């Protein structure tokens, strides 16, 4: 078996959420516990940090990993989904899992896994935990895949849990109210393990407090103790925060949504420092300023071109897109600005009407669909958008839509590509923006 054959087995023999949606979701941890026992409980060999939430998990996970790397710790990082290469999901100090290990893991466990009919994420999670043990990491940052309570990463007992925020997403699986969704995310809160809640509201506050009280977990609400005094966006790839402890804190993640993530991360690092981690001011500054380079994070308000300015972002639900819409409106109202051009596609199981209501109407749209089965049809998306007062044409591929937007543009225009993680993934793949190590 070579790497291509191993990937083919993963993609075809196990249900992949990005293709099949809820059909790939397996409720319960029975398979995960069986696989974990079979592989020798590798996650027990190193401390972990567990991160759940509707949005911001990836940014928080990558930035925390970068800070821990900067402090000299060998750091594992498990996130999803990948944009271009499967191995982006599993990294140690920013380096993706080796192709040889992926092949070896499938070869060694295929006979055991086959009768279980595991999901893609169940197998990938076991692979990640095993790779981190193989690499003798000092700590691993683990992002949930979906939800929390029944997510297969939830077999770990971390040293710190983080829940970034709660919004309406995956409601068919997690519940149709914020309190129900919060209850699923709160499932990662463990006995006497401190938990940081990034953002909360009246509907979720009591859910988190009750769960933390049940398991005697110290709970901190980062939103209620904001560490950010002010912020200034220098350009699309640089924002400078003045915080209580770190004046002039530079971050390469300049999306408007990131200020909430910054506050969550700083709260988390305070707790880690009090629990014995040696994290210096220099480590924190390096982690924030160099997170993309250190961890390979991509697709978060990422600048792809300067002229015309081209930005992509993986925000894919109404909770996340409100920040994107605000930032696009403000940028496009600047003096001397040309035309806002938006290459836009969504997954068919998202709240498309709500997002269409909030995105700018003063833009030229290039409606498209990603190369995954869950993608909404570009023609149908165009029809819904026109009914919402938006205007544009439909294109069958992301690259075709982007190339048309590029050919239509003048140097002072702004091209934004987004609406779906998979739209961004298709574009970055076509542009070969994420090289494989």
Protein backbone atom coordinates (compact mmCIF):
# COMPACT_ATOMS: atom_id res chain seq x y z
CA UNK A 1 0.00 0.00 0.00
CA UNK A 2 1.30 3.46 -0.88
CA UNK A 3 0.11 6.86 0.41
CA UNK A 4 -2.42 7.28 -2.38
CA UNK A 5 -3.93 3.88 -1.68
CA UNK A 6 -4.08 4.61 2.05
CA UNK A 7 -5.93 7.87 1.38
CA UNK A 8 -8.24 6.13 -1.03
CA UNK A 9 -9.15 3.61 1.67
CA UNK A 10 -9.80 6.42 4.13
CA UNK A 11 -11.94 8.39 1.69
CA UNK A 12 -13.95 5.47 0.31
CA UNK A 13 -14.22 2.94 3.12
CA UNK A 14 -15.06 5.42 5.87
CA UNK A 15 -17.87 8.03 5.65
CA UNK A 16 -16.37 11.52 5.15
CA UNK A 17 -18.44 14.38 6.59
CA UNK A 18 -17.48 16.92 3.92
CA UNK A 19 -19.00 14.64 1.29
CA UNK A 20 -21.94 13.00 3.03
CA UNK A 21 -22.76 15.41 5.84
CA UNK A 22 -24.81 13.99 8.70
CA UNK A 23 -24.58 10.45 7.29
CA UNK A 24 -20.92 10.44 8.32
CA UNK A 25 -21.74 11.42 11.89
CA UNK A 26 -21.75 8.48 14.29
CA UNK A 27 -23.41 9.18 17.61
CA UNK A 28 -21.68 7.54 20.52
CA UNK A 29 -18.10 6.71 21.49
CA UNK A 30 -18.23 2.92 21.24
CA UNK A 31 -16.08 2.68 18.11
CA UNK A 32 -13.67 5.30 19.40
CA UNK A 33 -13.15 3.47 22.68
CA UNK A 34 -12.59 0.15 20.90
CA UNK A 35 -10.05 1.68 18.52
CA UNK A 36 -8.37 3.53 21.38
CA UNK A 37 -7.98 0.29 23.34
CA UNK A 38 -6.67 -1.48 20.25
CA UNK A 39 -4.01 1.19 19.68
CA UNK A 40 -2.92 1.26 23.34
CA UNK A 41 -4.57 4.48 24.62
CA UNK A 42 -1.88 6.73 23.10
CA UNK A 43 -3.54 10.00 24.22
CA UNK A 44 -2.72 9.11 27.84
CA UNK A 45 1.00 9.53 27.15
CA UNK A 46 0.95 13.35 26.92
CA UNK A 47 -1.10 16.27 28.27
CA UNK A 48 -3.80 17.68 26.01
CA UNK A 49 -5.80 20.89 25.55
CA UNK A 50 -9.32 20.35 24.22
CA UNK A 51 -11.12 22.98 22.11
CA UNK A 52 -14.78 23.05 21.05
CA UNK A 53 -17.10 25.77 19.74
CA UNK A 54 -19.11 26.82 16.72
CA UNK A 55 -16.49 29.15 15.25
CA UNK A 56 -12.90 30.09 16.04
CA UNK A 57 -11.73 26.61 17.08
CA UNK A 58 -9.09 26.47 14.37
CA UNK A 59 -7.67 29.94 15.00
CA UNK A 60 -7.54 29.38 18.76
CA UNK A 61 -6.01 25.91 18.37
CA UNK A 62 -3.33 27.01 15.92
CA UNK A 63 -2.38 30.13 17.90
CA UNK A 64 -2.15 28.23 21.18
CA UNK A 65 -0.03 25.61 19.44
CA UNK A 66 2.26 28.34 18.07
CA UNK A 67 2.66 29.85 21.55
CA UNK A 68 3.48 26.46 23.04
CA UNK A 69 5.96 25.79 20.23
CA UNK A 70 7.57 29.17 20.89
CA UNK A 71 7.95 28.21 24.55
CA UNK A 72 10.09 25.24 23.50
CA UNK A 73 7.51 22.48 23.84
CA UNK A 74 7.16 19.78 21.20
CA UNK A 75 3.54 20.42 20.28
CA UNK A 76 0.97 18.23 18.55
CA UNK A 77 -1.96 19.85 16.76
CA UNK A 78 -5.09 18.07 15.54
CA UNK A 79 -7.65 20.09 13.56
CA UNK A 80 -10.21 19.64 10.80
CA UNK A 81 -11.08 19.82 8.01
CA UNK A 82 -8.02 20.00 5.81
CA UNK A 83 -7.92 22.44 2.90
CA UNK A 84 -5.53 20.82 0.42
CA UNK A 85 -3.64 17.90 1.95
CA UNK A 86 -5.10 15.39 4.41
CA UNK A 87 -1.92 15.61 6.48
CA UNK A 88 -2.73 19.23 7.45
CA UNK A 89 -5.02 17.73 10.10
CA UNK A 90 -2.20 16.16 12.12
CA UNK A 91 0.94 18.18 12.84
CA UNK A 92 3.84 18.29 15.25
CA UNK A 93 5.58 21.65 15.54
CA UNK A 94 3.89 22.67 12.30
CA UNK A 95 5.09 19.66 10.30
CA UNK A 96 2.36 17.39 8.90
CA UNK A 97 2.24 13.70 9.78
CA UNK A 98 4.48 11.69 7.49
CA UNK A 99 3.03 9.84 4.54
CA UNK A 100 4.85 6.73 5.74
CA UNK A 101 3.03 6.81 9.09
CA UNK A 102 -0.37 7.26 7.42
CA UNK A 103 0.31 4.19 5.30
CA UNK A 104 1.66 2.17 8.23
CA UNK A 105 -1.30 3.07 10.44
CA UNK A 106 -3.83 1.94 7.83
CA UNK A 107 -1.89 -1.24 7.02
CA UNK A 108 -1.47 -2.21 10.67
CA UNK A 109 -5.08 -1.52 11.68
CA UNK A 110 -7.12 -2.17 8.54
CA UNK A 111 -8.12 -5.70 9.53
CA UNK A 112 -9.30 -4.53 12.96
CA UNK A 113 -11.08 -1.43 11.63
CA UNK A 114 -12.96 -2.97 8.72
CA UNK A 115 -15.65 -4.83 10.75
CA UNK A 116 -16.34 -1.72 12.83
CA UNK A 117 -17.28 0.37 9.77
CA UNK A 118 -15.78 3.43 11.46
CA UNK A 119 -16.24 6.99 10.33
CA UNK A 120 -13.41 8.90 8.66
CA UNK A 121 -13.05 11.06 11.76
CA UNK A 122 -12.88 8.07 14.12
CA UNK A 123 -9.95 6.63 12.19
CA UNK A 124 -8.24 9.98 11.74
CA UNK A 125 -8.51 10.80 15.44
CA UNK A 126 -6.90 7.50 16.41
CA UNK A 127 -4.18 8.15 13.85
CA UNK A 128 -3.50 11.59 15.32
CA UNK A 129 -3.29 10.34 18.90
CA UNK A 130 -0.92 7.57 17.79
CA UNK A 131 1.30 9.95 15.80
CA UNK A 132 1.64 12.30 18.76
CA UNK A 133 2.71 9.37 20.94
CA UNK A 134 5.12 8.21 18.24
CA UNK A 135 6.64 11.70 18.12
CA UNK A 136 6.83 11.98 21.93
CA UNK A 137 5.11 15.34 22.06
CA UNK A 138 5.18 17.41 25.25
CA UNK A 139 1.59 18.57 24.74
CA UNK A 140 -1.15 18.25 22.11
CA UNK A 141 -3.85 20.74 21.16
CA UNK A 142 -6.97 18.83 20.12
CA UNK A 143 -9.89 20.41 18.24
CA UNK A 144 -13.26 18.68 18.28
CA UNK A 145 -14.74 17.72 14.94
CA UNK A 146 -18.42 18.34 15.63
CA UNK A 147 -20.18 19.09 18.89
CA UNK A 148 -18.32 17.85 21.93
CA UNK A 149 -20.19 15.41 24.15
CA UNK A 150 -20.22 12.61 21.55
CA UNK A 151 -17.28 13.79 19.47
CA UNK A 152 -14.67 11.07 19.20
CA UNK A 153 -11.95 13.37 20.55
CA UNK A 154 -13.89 13.44 23.83
CA UNK A 155 -12.19 10.36 25.25
CA UNK A 156 -9.30 12.56 26.40
CA UNK A 157 -8.96 14.07 29.86
CA UNK A 158 -7.27 17.38 29.11
CA UNK A 159 -5.46 19.80 31.38
CA UNK A 160 -7.61 22.62 29.98
CA UNK A 161 -10.88 22.78 28.05
CA UNK A 162 -11.87 25.72 25.85
CA UNK A 163 -15.27 26.49 24.30
CA UNK A 164 -14.89 29.41 21.92
CA UNK A 165 -18.54 30.35 21.28
CA UNK A 166 -21.98 29.00 20.43
CA UNK A 167 -23.87 29.73 17.21
CA UNK A 168 -26.42 28.08 14.98
CA UNK A 169 -24.67 25.36 12.98
CA UNK A 170 -25.17 21.60 12.47
CA UNK A 171 -28.58 22.03 14.10
CA UNK A 172 -29.86 18.75 12.68
CA UNK A 173 -27.28 16.99 14.84
CA UNK A 174 -26.69 19.28 17.82
CA UNK A 175 -30.10 20.85 18.44
CA UNK A 176 -32.22 23.74 17.24
CA UNK A 177 -31.60 26.18 20.12
CA UNK A 178 -28.43 27.78 21.44
CA UNK A 179 -28.93 26.09 24.81
CA UNK A 180 -29.15 22.64 23.19
CA UNK A 181 -26.04 23.29 21.11
CA UNK A 182 -24.24 24.62 24.19
CA UNK A 183 -25.13 21.45 26.09
CA UNK A 184 -23.43 19.35 23.41
CA UNK A 185 -20.31 21.55 23.42
CA UNK A 186 -20.29 21.54 27.24
CA UNK A 187 -19.79 17.80 27.06
CA UNK A 188 -16.02 18.38 26.88
CA UNK A 189 -16.00 19.88 30.39
CA UNK A 190 -14.29 17.31 32.61
CA UNK A 191 -14.09 16.75 36.35
CA UNK A 192 -11.87 19.35 38.04
CA UNK A 193 -10.40 20.42 34.69
CA UNK A 194 -10.55 24.22 34.22
CA UNK A 195 -12.61 25.47 31.28
CA UNK A 196 -12.45 28.77 29.43
CA UNK A 197 -15.64 30.01 27.76
CA UNK A 198 -14.77 32.53 25.05
CA UNK A 199 -18.20 34.04 24.33
CA UNK A 200 -21.51 33.39 26.02
CA UNK A 201 -25.01 34.82 26.20
CA UNK A 202 -28.08 34.54 28.41
CA UNK A 203 -29.18 31.36 26.64
CA UNK A 204 -25.86 29.54 27.09
CA UNK A 205 -24.52 30.99 30.33
CA UNK A 206 -26.55 28.76 32.63
CA UNK A 207 -25.75 25.65 30.59
CA UNK A 208 -22.02 26.12 31.07
CA UNK A 209 -22.29 27.06 34.73
CA UNK A 210 -24.46 24.05 35.52
CA UNK A 211 -22.17 21.59 33.75
CA UNK A 212 -19.06 23.05 35.39
CA UNK A 213 -20.70 22.85 38.82
CA UNK A 214 -21.71 19.21 38.26
CA UNK A 215 -18.11 18.15 37.66
CA UNK A 216 -16.41 20.68 39.96
CA UNK A 217 -14.67 22.35 37.01
CA UNK A 218 -13.24 25.86 37.55
CA UNK A 219 -14.90 28.02 34.89
CA UNK A 220 -13.68 31.32 33.46
CA UNK A 221 -15.71 33.51 31.09
CA UNK A 222 -13.14 35.35 28.98
CA UNK A 223 -15.76 37.74 27.61
CA UNK A 224 -16.46 39.08 31.12
CA UNK A 225 -12.82 39.97 31.72
CA UNK A 226 -11.75 41.47 28.42
CA UNK A 227 -8.01 41.88 28.12
CA UNK A 228 -8.12 43.99 24.94
CA UNK A 229 -8.01 47.77 25.44
CA UNK A 230 -7.92 48.77 21.77
CA UNK A 231 -7.06 47.41 18.34
CA UNK A 232 -5.92 48.82 15.02
CA UNK A 233 -6.06 47.05 11.66
CA UNK A 234 -2.88 48.01 9.81
CA UNK A 235 -3.58 45.97 6.66
CA UNK A 236 -5.45 42.75 5.77
CA UNK A 237 -2.64 40.68 7.28
CA UNK A 238 -1.81 42.67 10.40
CA UNK A 239 -3.76 43.88 13.40
CA UNK A 240 -2.19 45.41 16.49
CA UNK A 241 -3.86 45.00 19.88
CA UNK A 242 -3.18 46.93 23.04
CA UNK A 243 -3.97 44.53 25.84
CA UNK A 244 -3.76 44.71 29.62
CA UNK A 245 -0.42 42.91 29.71
CA UNK A 246 0.91 43.18 26.16
CA UNK A 247 0.87 46.60 24.50
CA UNK A 248 1.36 46.54 20.73
CA UNK A 249 0.56 42.83 20.39
CA UNK A 250 0.81 42.04 16.67
CA UNK A 251 -1.28 39.33 15.05
CA UNK A 252 -1.21 38.10 11.47
CA UNK A 253 -4.87 37.01 11.79
CA UNK A 254 -6.67 40.24 10.94
CA UNK A 255 -10.29 39.16 10.50
CA UNK A 256 -12.74 41.10 12.67
CA UNK A 257 -13.81 37.89 14.41
CA UNK A 258 -10.30 37.39 15.77
CA UNK A 259 -10.55 39.88 18.66
CA UNK A 260 -12.81 37.44 20.50
CA UNK A 261 -10.33 34.64 19.81
CA UNK A 262 -7.44 36.77 21.07
CA UNK A 263 -9.21 37.35 24.38
CA UNK A 264 -9.93 33.63 24.70
CA UNK A 265 -6.30 32.70 23.96
CA UNK A 266 -4.86 35.21 26.43
CA UNK A 267 -7.20 33.91 29.12
CA UNK A 268 -6.14 30.35 28.34
CA UNK A 269 -2.42 31.16 28.44
CA UNK A 270 -2.85 32.78 31.88
CA UNK A 271 -4.37 29.52 33.18
CA UNK A 272 -1.66 27.42 31.56
CA UNK A 273 1.05 29.63 33.05
CA UNK A 274 -0.49 29.28 36.53
CA UNK A 275 -0.59 25.50 36.08
CA UNK A 276 3.14 25.27 35.47
CA UNK A 277 3.70 26.02 31.78
CA UNK A 278 6.63 28.37 31.22
CA UNK A 279 5.13 30.79 28.76
CA UNK A 280 6.89 34.14 28.42
CA UNK A 281 5.73 37.40 26.90
CA UNK A 282 8.10 36.74 24.01
CA UNK A 283 6.45 33.35 23.40
CA UNK A 284 3.00 34.93 23.27
CA UNK A 285 4.12 37.68 20.91
CA UNK A 286 5.82 35.19 18.60
CA UNK A 287 2.83 32.86 18.60
CA UNK A 288 0.42 35.61 17.60
CA UNK A 289 2.64 37.22 14.98
CA UNK A 290 3.92 34.01 13.37
CA UNK A 291 1.06 31.54 13.79
CA UNK A 292 0.51 31.06 10.06
CA UNK A 293 4.17 30.38 9.36
CA UNK A 294 4.71 28.24 12.46
CA UNK A 295 1.65 26.02 12.10
CA UNK A 296 0.65 26.28 8.44
CA UNK A 297 -2.71 27.87 9.25
CA UNK A 298 -4.43 29.03 6.06
CA UNK A 299 -7.77 30.39 4.92
CA UNK A 300 -8.37 32.82 7.79
CA UNK A 301 -8.73 36.26 6.18
CA UNK A 302 -5.77 35.21 4.06
CA UNK A 303 -4.35 37.61 1.48
CA UNK A 304 -3.83 35.81 -1.83
CA UNK A 305 -2.93 38.81 -3.99
CA UNK A 306 -2.16 42.50 -3.48
CA UNK A 307 -3.37 43.84 -6.84
CA UNK A 308 -6.22 43.45 -6.98
CA UNK A 309 -6.42 42.77 -3.27
CA UNK A 310 -7.73 39.20 -2.97
CA UNK A 311 -8.77 37.72 0.36
CA UNK A 312 -10.24 34.34 1.28
CA UNK A 313 -11.85 33.20 4.51
CA UNK A 314 -13.30 29.89 5.63
CA UNK A 315 -16.22 31.40 7.58
CA UNK A 316 -19.19 29.25 6.62
CA UNK A 317 -22.20 29.99 8.83
CA UNK A 318 -24.26 32.98 9.89
CA UNK A 319 -22.49 33.31 13.24
CA UNK A 320 -19.11 33.68 11.55
CA UNK A 321 -20.23 35.54 8.44
CA UNK A 322 -21.56 38.55 10.34
CA UNK A 323 -17.95 39.58 11.00
CA UNK A 324 -16.92 38.98 7.40
CA UNK A 325 -19.87 41.01 6.09
CA UNK A 326 -19.03 43.92 8.38
CA UNK A 327 -15.37 43.91 7.38
CA UNK A 328 -16.19 43.79 3.66
CA UNK A 329 -18.67 46.65 3.98
CA UNK A 330 -16.14 48.84 5.80
CA UNK A 331 -13.32 48.07 3.37
CA UNK A 332 -15.50 48.71 0.32
CA UNK A 333 -16.64 52.11 1.67
CA UNK A 334 -13.08 53.47 1.86
CA UNK A 335 -12.22 56.48 -0.38
CA UNK A 336 -10.88 55.45 -3.78
CA UNK A 337 -12.20 51.93 -3.50
CA UNK A 338 -13.23 50.30 -6.77
CA UNK A 339 -15.61 47.33 -6.93
CA UNK A 340 -16.25 44.62 -4.40
CA UNK A 341 -16.28 41.22 -6.15
CA UNK A 342 -17.33 38.15 -4.18
CA UNK A 343 -16.70 34.57 -5.27
CA UNK A 344 -19.31 32.80 -3.18
CA UNK A 345 -20.50 29.26 -2.52
CA UNK A 346 -21.95 27.40 0.45
CA UNK A 347 -22.65 23.90 1.64
CA UNK A 348 -26.23 22.92 0.95
CA UNK A 349 -26.97 22.07 4.59
CA UNK A 350 -26.10 25.55 5.90
CA UNK A 351 -28.48 28.42 6.66
CA UNK A 352 -28.10 29.95 3.21
CA UNK A 353 -31.04 32.43 3.40
CA UNK A 354 -29.74 33.95 6.64
CA UNK A 355 -26.23 34.44 5.23
CA UNK A 356 -27.60 35.94 2.01
CA UNK A 357 -29.46 38.50 4.10
CA UNK A 358 -26.29 39.77 5.74
CA UNK A 359 -23.69 39.83 2.96
CA UNK A 360 -23.10 43.12 1.07
CA UNK A 361 -25.58 43.97 -1.68
CA UNK A 362 -23.19 46.48 -3.31
CA UNK A 363 -21.00 43.69 -4.72
CA UNK A 364 -20.69 41.80 -7.98
CA UNK A 365 -21.17 38.10 -7.23
CA UNK A 366 -19.65 35.03 -8.83
CA UNK A 367 -21.74 32.17 -7.47
CA UNK A 368 -20.04 28.81 -7.50
CA UNK A 369 -19.90 25.39 -5.90
CA UNK A 370 -17.06 23.45 -4.35
CA UNK A 371 -16.05 19.98 -5.53
CA UNK A 372 -17.74 18.15 -2.63
CA UNK A 373 -21.13 16.45 -2.62
CA UNK A 374 -22.46 18.76 0.11
CA UNK A 375 -21.96 21.89 -2.02
CA UNK A 376 -25.08 23.87 -2.89
CA UNK A 377 -25.76 24.01 -6.64
CA UNK A 378 -24.40 27.27 -8.04
CA UNK A 379 -27.48 27.88 -10.19
CA UNK A 380 -29.87 27.42 -7.28
CA UNK A 381 -27.66 29.59 -5.09
CA UNK A 382 -27.78 32.33 -7.71
CA UNK A 383 -31.59 32.16 -7.80
CA UNK A 384 -31.84 32.45 -4.02
CA UNK A 385 -29.36 35.31 -4.03
CA UNK A 386 -31.22 37.25 -6.72
CA UNK A 387 -34.39 36.91 -4.64
CA UNK A 388 -32.40 38.41 -1.74
CA UNK A 389 -31.36 41.41 -3.86
CA UNK A 390 -27.89 40.25 -4.87
CA UNK A 391 -26.60 40.15 -8.42
CA UNK A 392 -24.13 37.99 -10.31
CA UNK A 393 -23.55 34.95 -12.47
CA UNK A 394 -23.13 31.25 -11.70
CA UNK A 395 -20.00 29.19 -12.40
CA UNK A 396 -19.56 25.45 -12.15
CA UNK A 397 -16.15 25.52 -10.47
CA UNK A 398 -14.46 27.79 -7.96
CA UNK A 399 -11.47 28.35 -10.19
CA UNK A 400 -13.68 29.38 -13.11
CA UNK A 401 -15.51 31.87 -10.87
CA UNK A 402 -12.26 33.27 -9.48
CA UNK A 403 -10.64 33.62 -12.90
CA UNK A 404 -13.68 35.55 -14.15
CA UNK A 405 -13.60 37.85 -11.10
CA UNK A 406 -9.89 38.40 -11.67
CA UNK A 407 -10.34 39.23 -15.36
CA UNK A 408 -13.13 41.68 -14.52
CA UNK A 409 -11.09 43.48 -11.86
CA UNK A 410 -9.19 46.75 -11.72
CA UNK A 411 -6.21 47.23 -9.38
CA UNK A 412 -8.28 49.03 -6.72
CA UNK A 413 -10.97 46.35 -6.56
CA UNK A 414 -11.33 43.79 -3.78
CA UNK A 415 -11.99 40.12 -4.54
CA UNK A 416 -13.30 38.07 -1.64
CA UNK A 417 -13.54 34.27 -1.88
CA UNK A 418 -15.59 32.40 0.69
CA UNK A 419 -18.92 31.20 2.02
CA UNK A 420 -17.61 27.68 2.57
CA UNK A 421 -14.43 26.04 3.80
CA UNK A 422 -14.59 23.89 0.69
CA UNK A 423 -14.74 26.87 -1.67
CA UNK A 424 -11.53 28.18 -0.10
CA UNK A 425 -10.02 24.69 -0.24
CA UNK A 426 -10.73 24.38 -3.97
CA UNK A 427 -9.14 27.74 -4.72
CA UNK A 428 -6.03 27.16 -2.58
CA UNK A 429 -5.62 23.74 -4.15
CA UNK A 430 -5.84 25.16 -7.67
CA UNK A 431 -3.33 27.87 -6.75
CA UNK A 432 -1.04 25.38 -4.95
CA UNK A 433 -1.01 27.75 -1.97
CA UNK A 434 -0.32 25.04 0.65
CA UNK A 435 2.79 23.06 -0.25
CA UNK A 436 3.08 19.51 1.07
CA UNK A 437 6.15 18.76 3.20
